[in-house]
Amino acid sequence: MVVGGGAAWRMYAEGYYFRNLKPTDWVLHWRGVYRYDPAHHTVRQGSAKVPMVALTFDDGPHPTTPALLDALKAGGAHGTFFLVGSNVVKAPDLARRIAAEGNEVANHTRTHLRLPPLRDDQIRHELNDDTIVIARATGKRVRLFRPPGGQFDGRVTAEAAREGMTTVLWSNNTGDWRAKPPRWVVNRVLSNVQPGDIVLLHEDHAETVAAIPAILAGLRERGLRAVTVSELLAASGIAAPPLPAPGKRIRARQPQ
């Protein structure tokens, strides 16, 4: 689609999603590793051949989480929740409910620090400690990881892979963290949605929670099913890195 500057601005103001505006994305497409980079176990988008979209929610648990879970349940859908360990410690009951209702729990670090500036041991602790507290709260061993702010380097993805986790980014950044109105968030998801999309949302925004029913209805109208990231990856033929062998795992400090 080719549009003039004024029309493009109006579309953006209403929430229309424009893809692949970053030159770094162009390079990844050219190299053939935008969707999945097996060398670094990073994924941004599932197969375009599967009628699925993965809705992902960062930064919880949060007081808005129960309403979000109610909306997903009412819509017959599941999501993937990238949980911050310090929030799980404060609200383990919410983490348990997320998992108990068939949603996927995943790693978003212990304290939500930007990882590339950290030392290797600090990166290890951020990932490992979050895995521990999520397992204590939910009984689930996480297999997915998302770096805070989407910021990572080879050391970060290597550490995630050593812990048996795929690094999950996104193909649709809704920008909902800017507290946009629900209709804007809905338009952002649906205006240019594609099969295999991984959608970045944040569970700690009431506007996002309010948008979920319309998002799910719009996906159904387009013949797309909202699934967890692991379901999308399995349908796309993307395997997780192996779990560390017993006795080979580098043990982090015990979280408090």
C-alpha atoms as a PDB file:
ATOM      1  CA  MET A   1       0.000   0.000   0.000  1.00  0.00           C
ATOM      2  CA  VAL A   2       1.336   3.433  -1.005  1.00  0.00           C
ATOM      3  CA  VAL A   3      -0.139   6.437   0.792  1.00  0.00           C
ATOM      4  CA  GLY A   4       0.686  10.126   0.979  1.00  0.00           C
ATOM      5  CA  GLY A   5       2.288  11.694   4.007  1.00  0.00           C
ATOM      6  CA  GLY A   6      -0.928  13.230   5.313  1.00  0.00           C
ATOM      7  CA  ALA A   7      -2.916  10.034   4.834  1.00  0.00           C
ATOM      8  CA  ALA A   8      -0.161   7.985   6.447  1.00  0.00           C
ATOM      9  CA  TRP A   9      -0.126  10.263   9.487  1.00  0.00           C
ATOM     10  CA  ARG A  10      -3.910   9.964   9.868  1.00  0.00           C
ATOM     11  CA  MET A  11      -3.662   6.192   9.638  1.00  0.00           C
ATOM     12  CA  TYR A  12      -0.928   6.152  12.280  1.00  0.00           C
ATOM     13  CA  ALA A  13      -2.933   8.463  14.530  1.00  0.00           C
ATOM     14  CA  GLU A  14      -5.802   5.967  14.387  1.00  0.00           C
ATOM     15  CA  GLY A  15      -3.508   3.071  15.250  1.00  0.00           C
ATOM     16  CA  TYR A  16      -2.677   1.609  11.830  1.00  0.00           C
ATOM     17  CA  TYR A  17       0.388  -0.620  12.075  1.00  0.00           C
ATOM     18  CA  PHE A  18       3.160  -0.068   9.532  1.00  0.00           C
ATOM     19  CA  ARG A  19       5.546  -3.000   9.260  1.00  0.00           C
ATOM     20  CA  ASN A  20       9.282  -3.167   8.770  1.00  0.00           C
ATOM     21  CA  LEU A  21      10.127   0.486   9.089  1.00  0.00           C
ATOM     22  CA  LYS A  22      13.467  -0.239  10.761  1.00  0.00           C
ATOM     23  CA  PRO A  23      16.504  -0.806   8.505  1.00  0.00           C
ATOM     24  CA  THR A  24      17.605  -3.535  10.920  1.00  0.00           C
ATOM     25  CA  ASP A  25      14.427  -5.442  10.009  1.00  0.00           C
ATOM     26  CA  TRP A  26      15.275  -5.113   6.313  1.00  0.00           C
ATOM     27  CA  VAL A  27      18.654  -6.712   6.953  1.00  0.00           C
ATOM     28  CA  LEU A  28      17.070  -9.579   8.889  1.00  0.00           C
ATOM     29  CA  HIS A  29      14.586 -10.199   6.069  1.00  0.00           C
ATOM     30  CA  TRP A  30      17.402 -10.116   3.511  1.00  0.00           C
ATOM     31  CA  ARG A  31      19.385 -12.650   5.562  1.00  0.00           C
ATOM     32  CA  GLY A  32      16.283 -14.835   5.939  1.00  0.00           C
ATOM     33  CA  VAL A  33      16.371 -14.793   9.742  1.00  0.00           C
ATOM     34  CA  TYR A  34      13.644 -12.271  10.572  1.00  0.00           C
ATOM     35  CA  ARG A  35      11.058 -14.871  11.565  1.00  0.00           C
ATOM     36  CA  TYR A  36      13.505 -17.261  13.204  1.00  0.00           C
ATOM     37  CA  ASP A  37      17.251 -17.180  13.692  1.00  0.00           C
ATOM     38  CA  PRO A  38      18.325 -20.724  14.595  1.00  0.00           C
ATOM     39  CA  ALA A  39      21.908 -19.660  15.321  1.00  0.00           C
ATOM     40  CA  HIS A  40      20.733 -17.476  18.200  1.00  0.00           C
ATOM     41  CA  HIS A  41      17.387 -19.157  18.991  1.00  0.00           C
ATOM     42  CA  THR A  42      15.499 -15.901  18.453  1.00  0.00           C
ATOM     43  CA  VAL A  43      12.014 -15.676  16.971  1.00  0.00           C
ATOM     44  CA  ARG A  44       9.922 -12.699  15.888  1.00  0.00           C
ATOM     45  CA  GLN A  45       7.127 -14.326  13.921  1.00  0.00           C
ATOM     46  CA  GLY A  46       5.758 -17.790  13.309  1.00  0.00           C
ATOM     47  CA  SER A  47       4.992 -19.385   9.963  1.00  0.00           C
ATOM     48  CA  ALA A  48       2.712 -17.432   7.631  1.00  0.00           C
ATOM     49  CA  LYS A  49       1.068 -20.757   6.762  1.00  0.00           C
ATOM     50  CA  VAL A  50      -0.602 -21.242  10.149  1.00  0.00           C
ATOM     51  CA  PRO A  51      -3.852 -19.363  10.960  1.00  0.00           C
ATOM     52  CA  MET A  52      -2.602 -18.373  14.400  1.00  0.00           C
ATOM     53  CA  VAL A  53      -1.544 -15.232  16.241  1.00  0.00           C
ATOM     54  CA  ALA A  54       0.240 -15.203  19.608  1.00  0.00           C
ATOM     55  CA  LEU A  55      -0.807 -12.441  21.992  1.00  0.00           C
ATOM     56  CA  THR A  56       1.972 -11.794  24.517  1.00  0.00           C
ATOM     57  CA  PHE A  57       1.767  -9.740  27.697  1.00  0.00           C
ATOM     58  CA  ASP A  58       4.821  -8.281  29.414  1.00  0.00           C
ATOM     59  CA  ASP A  59       5.681  -6.997  32.899  1.00  0.00           C
ATOM     60  CA  GLY A  60       3.179  -8.787  35.158  1.00  0.00           C
ATOM     61  CA  PRO A  61       1.696  -9.997  37.300  1.00  0.00           C
ATOM     62  CA  HIS A  62      -0.175  -6.765  38.033  1.00  0.00           C
ATOM     63  CA  PRO A  63      -3.490  -5.752  39.652  1.00  0.00           C
ATOM     64  CA  THR A  64      -4.979  -5.632  36.140  1.00  0.00           C
ATOM     65  CA  THR A  65      -4.109  -9.312  35.535  1.00  0.00           C
ATOM     66  CA  PRO A  66      -7.411 -10.797  36.812  1.00  0.00           C
ATOM     67  CA  ALA A  67      -9.455  -8.669  34.399  1.00  0.00           C
ATOM     68  CA  LEU A  68      -7.141  -9.645  31.545  1.00  0.00           C
ATOM     69  CA  LEU A  69      -7.497 -13.326  32.388  1.00  0.00           C
ATOM     70  CA  ASP A  70     -11.277 -12.930  32.529  1.00  0.00           C
ATOM     71  CA  ALA A  71     -11.255 -11.366  29.053  1.00  0.00           C
ATOM     72  CA  LEU A  72      -9.106 -14.140  27.574  1.00  0.00           C
ATOM     73  CA  LYS A  73     -11.260 -16.823  29.161  1.00  0.00           C
ATOM     74  CA  ALA A  74     -14.471 -15.208  27.911  1.00  0.00           C
ATOM     75  CA  GLY A  75     -12.979 -15.115  24.413  1.00  0.00           C
ATOM     76  CA  GLY A  76     -11.851 -18.731  24.521  1.00  0.00           C
ATOM     77  CA  ALA A  77      -8.226 -17.712  24.032  1.00  0.00           C
ATOM     78  CA  HIS A  78      -4.870 -18.130  25.722  1.00  0.00           C
ATOM     79  CA  GLY A  79      -1.863 -15.833  25.863  1.00  0.00           C
ATOM     80  CA  THR A  80       1.794 -15.917  26.838  1.00  0.00           C
ATOM     81  CA  PHE A  81       2.741 -13.909  29.924  1.00  0.00           C
ATOM     82  CA  PHE A  82       6.340 -12.746  30.219  1.00  0.00           C
ATOM     83  CA  LEU A  83       6.582 -12.348  33.980  1.00  0.00           C
ATOM     84  CA  VAL A  84       8.986 -10.243  36.027  1.00  0.00           C
ATOM     85  CA  GLY A  85      10.302 -12.224  39.002  1.00  0.00           C
ATOM     86  CA  SER A  86       9.994  -9.381  41.509  1.00  0.00           C
ATOM     87  CA  ASN A  87       6.306  -9.073  40.591  1.00  0.00           C
ATOM     88  CA  VAL A  88       5.786 -12.841  40.865  1.00  0.00           C
ATOM     89  CA  VAL A  89       7.195 -12.747  44.401  1.00  0.00           C
ATOM     90  CA  LYS A  90       4.636 -10.061  45.295  1.00  0.00           C
ATOM     91  CA  ALA A  91       1.691 -11.845  43.660  1.00  0.00           C
ATOM     92  CA  PRO A  92       2.362 -15.600  43.327  1.00  0.00           C
ATOM     93  CA  ASP A  93      -1.378 -16.280  43.353  1.00  0.00           C
ATOM     94  CA  LEU A  94      -1.787 -14.343  40.108  1.00  0.00           C
ATOM     95  CA  ALA A  95       1.090 -16.225  38.499  1.00  0.00           C
ATOM     96  CA  ARG A  96      -0.555 -19.499  39.552  1.00  0.00           C
ATOM     97  CA  ARG A  97      -3.884 -18.410  38.080  1.00  0.00           C
ATOM     98  CA  ILE A  98      -2.242 -17.449  34.776  1.00  0.00           C
ATOM     99  CA  ALA A  99      -0.808 -20.949  34.420  1.00  0.00           C
ATOM    100  CA  ALA A 100      -3.828 -22.765  35.844  1.00  0.00           C
ATOM    101  CA  GLU A 101      -6.111 -21.273  33.189  1.00  0.00           C
ATOM    102  CA  GLY A 102      -4.032 -22.655  30.342  1.00  0.00           C
ATOM    103  CA  ASN A 103      -1.945 -19.604  29.593  1.00  0.00           C
ATOM    104  CA  GLU A 104       1.814 -19.779  29.158  1.00  0.00           C
ATOM    105  CA  VAL A 105       4.257 -18.331  31.684  1.00  0.00           C
ATOM    106  CA  ALA A 106       7.606 -17.088  30.429  1.00  0.00           C
ATOM    107  CA  ASN A 107      10.753 -15.312  31.587  1.00  0.00           C
ATOM    108  CA  HIS A 108      11.111 -11.497  31.530  1.00  0.00           C
ATOM    109  CA  THR A 109      14.027 -11.348  34.013  1.00  0.00           C
ATOM    110  CA  ARG A 110      14.021 -11.002  37.779  1.00  0.00           C
ATOM    111  CA  THR A 111      14.115  -7.186  38.012  1.00  0.00           C
ATOM    112  CA  HIS A 112      13.471  -5.903  34.439  1.00  0.00           C
ATOM    113  CA  LEU A 113      16.969  -4.495  33.954  1.00  0.00           C
ATOM    114  CA  ARG A 114      18.301  -3.799  30.472  1.00  0.00           C
ATOM    115  CA  LEU A 115      20.671  -6.727  29.959  1.00  0.00           C
ATOM    116  CA  PRO A 116      23.424  -5.804  27.444  1.00  0.00           C
ATOM    117  CA  PRO A 117      25.265  -3.454  29.863  1.00  0.00           C
ATOM    118  CA  LEU A 118      25.421  -6.168  32.552  1.00  0.00           C
ATOM    119  CA  ARG A 119      28.236  -8.617  33.276  1.00  0.00           C
ATOM    120  CA  ASP A 120      27.765 -12.241  32.237  1.00  0.00           C
ATOM    121  CA  ASP A 121      27.088 -13.373  35.798  1.00  0.00           C
ATOM    122  CA  GLN A 122      24.487 -10.630  36.266  1.00  0.00           C
ATOM    123  CA  ILE A 123      22.696 -11.690  33.080  1.00  0.00           C
ATOM    124  CA  ARG A 124      22.743 -15.277  34.331  1.00  0.00           C
ATOM    125  CA  HIS A 125      21.231 -14.278  37.668  1.00  0.00           C
ATOM    126  CA  GLU A 126      18.492 -12.170  36.046  1.00  0.00           C
ATOM    127  CA  LEU A 127      17.352 -15.091  33.882  1.00  0.00           C
ATOM    128  CA  ASN A 128      17.935 -17.933  36.328  1.00  0.00           C
ATOM    129  CA  ASP A 129      16.354 -16.208  39.323  1.00  0.00           C
ATOM    130  CA  ASP A 130      13.189 -15.440  37.325  1.00  0.00           C
ATOM    131  CA  THR A 131      12.971 -19.056  36.200  1.00  0.00           C
ATOM    132  CA  ILE A 132      13.227 -20.162  39.843  1.00  0.00           C
ATOM    133  CA  VAL A 133      10.517 -17.875  41.224  1.00  0.00           C
ATOM    134  CA  ILE A 134       8.129 -18.694  38.362  1.00  0.00           C
ATOM    135  CA  ALA A 135       8.660 -22.421  38.971  1.00  0.00           C
ATOM    136  CA  ARG A 136       8.040 -21.991  42.699  1.00  0.00           C
ATOM    137  CA  ALA A 137       4.794 -20.105  42.086  1.00  0.00           C
ATOM    138  CA  THR A 138       3.389 -22.143  39.190  1.00  0.00           C
ATOM    139  CA  GLY A 139       5.235 -25.471  39.040  1.00  0.00           C
ATOM    140  CA  LYS A 140       6.108 -24.665  35.405  1.00  0.00           C
ATOM    141  CA  ARG A 141       9.557 -24.774  33.812  1.00  0.00           C
ATOM    142  CA  VAL A 142       9.688 -21.801  31.457  1.00  0.00           C
ATOM    143  CA  ARG A 143      10.990 -22.333  27.927  1.00  0.00           C
ATOM    144  CA  LEU A 144      10.581 -18.799  26.568  1.00  0.00           C
ATOM    145  CA  PHE A 145      12.420 -15.572  27.372  1.00  0.00           C
ATOM    146  CA  ARG A 146      11.932 -11.948  26.372  1.00  0.00           C
ATOM    147  CA  PRO A 147      14.618  -9.339  27.108  1.00  0.00           C
ATOM    148  CA  PRO A 148      13.335  -6.112  28.706  1.00  0.00           C
ATOM    149  CA  GLY A 149      12.937  -3.402  26.121  1.00  0.00           C
ATOM    150  CA  GLY A 150      13.760  -5.932  23.416  1.00  0.00           C
ATOM    151  CA  GLN A 151      17.436  -5.183  24.095  1.00  0.00           C
ATOM    152  CA  PHE A 152      19.848  -8.089  23.750  1.00  0.00           C
ATOM    153  CA  ASP A 153      23.200  -9.169  22.404  1.00  0.00           C
ATOM    154  CA  GLY A 154      24.849 -12.501  21.681  1.00  0.00           C
ATOM    155  CA  ARG A 155      25.697 -13.038  25.334  1.00  0.00           C
ATOM    156  CA  VAL A 156      22.033 -12.641  26.325  1.00  0.00           C
ATOM    157  CA  THR A 157      20.655 -15.050  23.722  1.00  0.00           C
ATOM    158  CA  ALA A 158      23.432 -17.542  24.463  1.00  0.00           C
ATOM    159  CA  GLU A 159      22.586 -17.530  28.174  1.00  0.00           C
ATOM    160  CA  ALA A 160      18.883 -17.993  27.408  1.00  0.00           C
ATOM    161  CA  ALA A 161      19.676 -20.914  25.095  1.00  0.00           C
ATOM    162  CA  ARG A 162      21.930 -22.517  27.721  1.00  0.00           C
ATOM    163  CA  GLU A 163      18.922 -22.456  30.059  1.00  0.00           C
ATOM    164  CA  GLY A 164      16.759 -24.112  27.383  1.00  0.00           C
ATOM    165  CA  MET A 165      14.866 -20.957  26.441  1.00  0.00           C
ATOM    166  CA  THR A 166      14.019 -19.450  23.061  1.00  0.00           C
ATOM    167  CA  THR A 167      14.348 -15.647  22.929  1.00  0.00           C
ATOM    168  CA  VAL A 168      10.967 -14.301  21.793  1.00  0.00           C
ATOM    169  CA  LEU A 169      10.627 -10.851  20.255  1.00  0.00           C
ATOM    170  CA  TRP A 170       7.635  -9.680  18.188  1.00  0.00           C
ATOM    171  CA  SER A 171       6.367  -8.810  14.713  1.00  0.00           C
ATOM    172  CA  ASN A 172       3.744  -6.307  15.946  1.00  0.00           C
ATOM    173  CA  ASN A 173       4.676  -3.744  18.582  1.00  0.00           C
ATOM    174  CA  THR A 174       1.381  -2.200  19.646  1.00  0.00           C
ATOM    175  CA  GLY A 175       2.983   0.614  21.604  1.00  0.00           C
ATOM    176  CA  ASP A 176       0.299   0.130  24.247  1.00  0.00           C
ATOM    177  CA  TRP A 177       2.803   1.097  26.954  1.00  0.00           C
ATOM    178  CA  ARG A 178       2.102   4.688  25.911  1.00  0.00           C
ATOM    179  CA  ALA A 179      -1.407   4.288  27.407  1.00  0.00           C
ATOM    180  CA  LYS A 180      -3.213   4.676  24.101  1.00  0.00           C
ATOM    181  CA  PRO A 181      -7.042   4.378  24.041  1.00  0.00           C
ATOM    182  CA  PRO A 182      -8.432   0.843  23.668  1.00  0.00           C
ATOM    183  CA  ARG A 183      -9.642   1.475  20.111  1.00  0.00           C
ATOM    184  CA  TRP A 184      -6.116   2.540  19.117  1.00  0.00           C
ATOM    185  CA  VAL A 185      -4.699  -0.691  20.561  1.00  0.00           C
ATOM    186  CA  VAL A 186      -7.334  -2.728  18.706  1.00  0.00           C
ATOM    187  CA  ASN A 187      -6.503  -1.001  15.418  1.00  0.00           C
ATOM    188  CA  ARG A 188      -2.808  -1.505  16.038  1.00  0.00           C
ATOM    189  CA  VAL A 189      -3.275  -5.271  16.304  1.00  0.00           C
ATOM    190  CA  LEU A 190      -5.863  -5.809  13.578  1.00  0.00           C
ATOM    191  CA  SER A 191      -5.098  -3.220  10.886  1.00  0.00           C
ATOM    192  CA  ASN A 192      -2.199  -5.148   9.370  1.00  0.00           C
ATOM    193  CA  VAL A 193      -2.376  -8.490  11.147  1.00  0.00           C
ATOM    194  CA  GLN A 194      -0.719 -11.483   9.489  1.00  0.00           C
ATOM    195  CA  PRO A 195      -0.817 -15.213  10.224  1.00  0.00           C
ATOM    196  CA  GLY A 196       2.035 -16.130  12.531  1.00  0.00           C
ATOM    197  CA  ASP A 197       2.239 -12.729  14.185  1.00  0.00           C
ATOM    198  CA  ILE A 198       3.638 -12.367  17.689  1.00  0.00           C
ATOM    199  CA  VAL A 199       1.966  -9.311  19.226  1.00  0.00           C
ATOM    200  CA  LEU A 200       3.610  -7.282  21.986  1.00  0.00           C
ATOM    201  CA  LEU A 201       1.180  -6.082  24.674  1.00  0.00           C
ATOM    202  CA  HIS A 202       1.524  -5.125  28.339  1.00  0.00           C
ATOM    203  CA  GLU A 203      -0.760  -6.500  31.009  1.00  0.00           C
ATOM    204  CA  ASP A 204      -0.284  -3.570  33.373  1.00  0.00           C
ATOM    205  CA  HIS A 205      -2.355  -1.140  31.261  1.00  0.00           C
ATOM    206  CA  ALA A 206      -6.117  -0.949  31.727  1.00  0.00           C
ATOM    207  CA  GLU A 207      -6.499   0.281  28.136  1.00  0.00           C
ATOM    208  CA  THR A 208      -4.933  -2.931  26.860  1.00  0.00           C
ATOM    209  CA  VAL A 209      -7.214  -5.072  29.004  1.00  0.00           C
ATOM    210  CA  ALA A 210     -10.242  -3.175  27.681  1.00  0.00           C
ATOM    211  CA  ALA A 211      -9.100  -3.815  24.096  1.00  0.00           C
ATOM    212  CA  ILE A 212      -8.868  -7.620  24.398  1.00  0.00           C
ATOM    213  CA  PRO A 213     -12.517  -8.541  23.594  1.00  0.00           C
ATOM    214  CA  ALA A 214     -12.466  -6.545  20.340  1.00  0.00           C
ATOM    215  CA  ILE A 215      -9.024  -7.908  19.428  1.00  0.00           C
ATOM    216  CA  LEU A 216     -10.190 -11.500  19.880  1.00  0.00           C
ATOM    217  CA  ALA A 217     -13.395 -10.855  17.928  1.00  0.00           C
ATOM    218  CA  GLY A 218     -11.396  -9.263  15.100  1.00  0.00           C
ATOM    219  CA  LEU A 219      -8.982 -12.168  14.927  1.00  0.00           C
ATOM    220  CA  ARG A 220     -11.883 -14.633  14.715  1.00  0.00           C
ATOM    221  CA  GLU A 221     -13.433 -12.625  11.874  1.00  0.00           C
ATOM    222  CA  ARG A 222     -10.150 -12.961   9.989  1.00  0.00           C
ATOM    223  CA  GLY A 223      -9.965 -16.708  10.581  1.00  0.00           C
ATOM    224  CA  LEU A 224      -7.114 -16.412  13.071  1.00  0.00           C
ATOM    225  CA  ARG A 225      -6.858 -18.120  16.441  1.00  0.00           C
ATOM    226  CA  ALA A 226      -5.165 -16.574  19.470  1.00  0.00           C
ATOM    227  CA  VAL A 227      -2.717 -19.123  20.878  1.00  0.00           C
ATOM    228  CA  THR A 228       0.347 -19.276  23.117  1.00  0.00           C
ATOM    229  CA  VAL A 229       3.789 -18.681  21.662  1.00  0.00           C
ATOM    230  CA  SER A 230       4.741 -22.322  22.207  1.00  0.00           C
ATOM    231  CA  GLU A 231       1.661 -23.466  20.272  1.00  0.00           C
ATOM    232  CA  LEU A 232       2.572 -21.102  17.439  1.00  0.00           C
ATOM    233  CA  LEU A 233       6.184 -22.268  17.382  1.00  0.00           C
ATOM    234  CA  ALA A 234       5.189 -25.933  17.416  1.00  0.00           C
ATOM    235  CA  ALA A 235       2.821 -25.384  14.480  1.00  0.00           C
ATOM    236  CA  SER A 236       5.612 -23.488  12.698  1.00  0.00           C
ATOM    237  CA  GLY A 237       8.148 -26.283  13.183  1.00  0.00           C
ATOM    238  CA  ILE A 238      10.398 -24.219  15.482  1.00  0.00           C
ATOM    239  CA  ALA A 239      11.948 -26.236  18.300  1.00  0.00           C
ATOM    240  CA  ALA A 240      13.205 -24.905  21.623  1.00  0.00           C
ATOM    241  CA  PRO A 241      16.867 -25.349  22.546  1.00  0.00           C
ATOM    242  CA  PRO A 242      17.504 -28.390  24.758  1.00  0.00           C
ATOM    243  CA  LEU A 243      17.286 -28.097  28.509  1.00  0.00           C
ATOM    244  CA  PRO A 244      20.637 -28.182  30.312  1.00  0.00           C
ATOM    245  CA  ALA A 245      21.766 -31.642  31.335  1.00  0.00           C
ATOM    246  CA  PRO A 246      21.441 -32.517  35.036  1.00  0.00           C
ATOM    247  CA  GLY A 247      24.487 -31.317  36.918  1.00  0.00           C
ATOM    248  CA  LYS A 248      25.584 -29.040  34.074  1.00  0.00           C
ATOM    249  CA  ARG A 249      23.275 -26.132  34.878  1.00  0.00           C
ATOM    250  CA  ILE A 250      24.983 -23.084  36.350  1.00  0.00           C
ATOM    251  CA  ARG A 251      23.257 -22.410  39.629  1.00  0.00           C
ATOM    252  CA  ALA A 252      22.299 -18.847  40.472  1.00  0.00           C
ATOM    253  CA  ARG A 253      21.923 -17.431  43.946  1.00  0.00           C
ATOM    254  CA  GLN A 254      18.709 -18.354  45.721  1.00  0.00           C
ATOM    255  CA  PRO A 255      16.064 -15.635  45.254  1.00  0.00           C
ATOM    256  CA  GLN A 256      14.674 -14.037  48.384  1.00  0.00           C
END
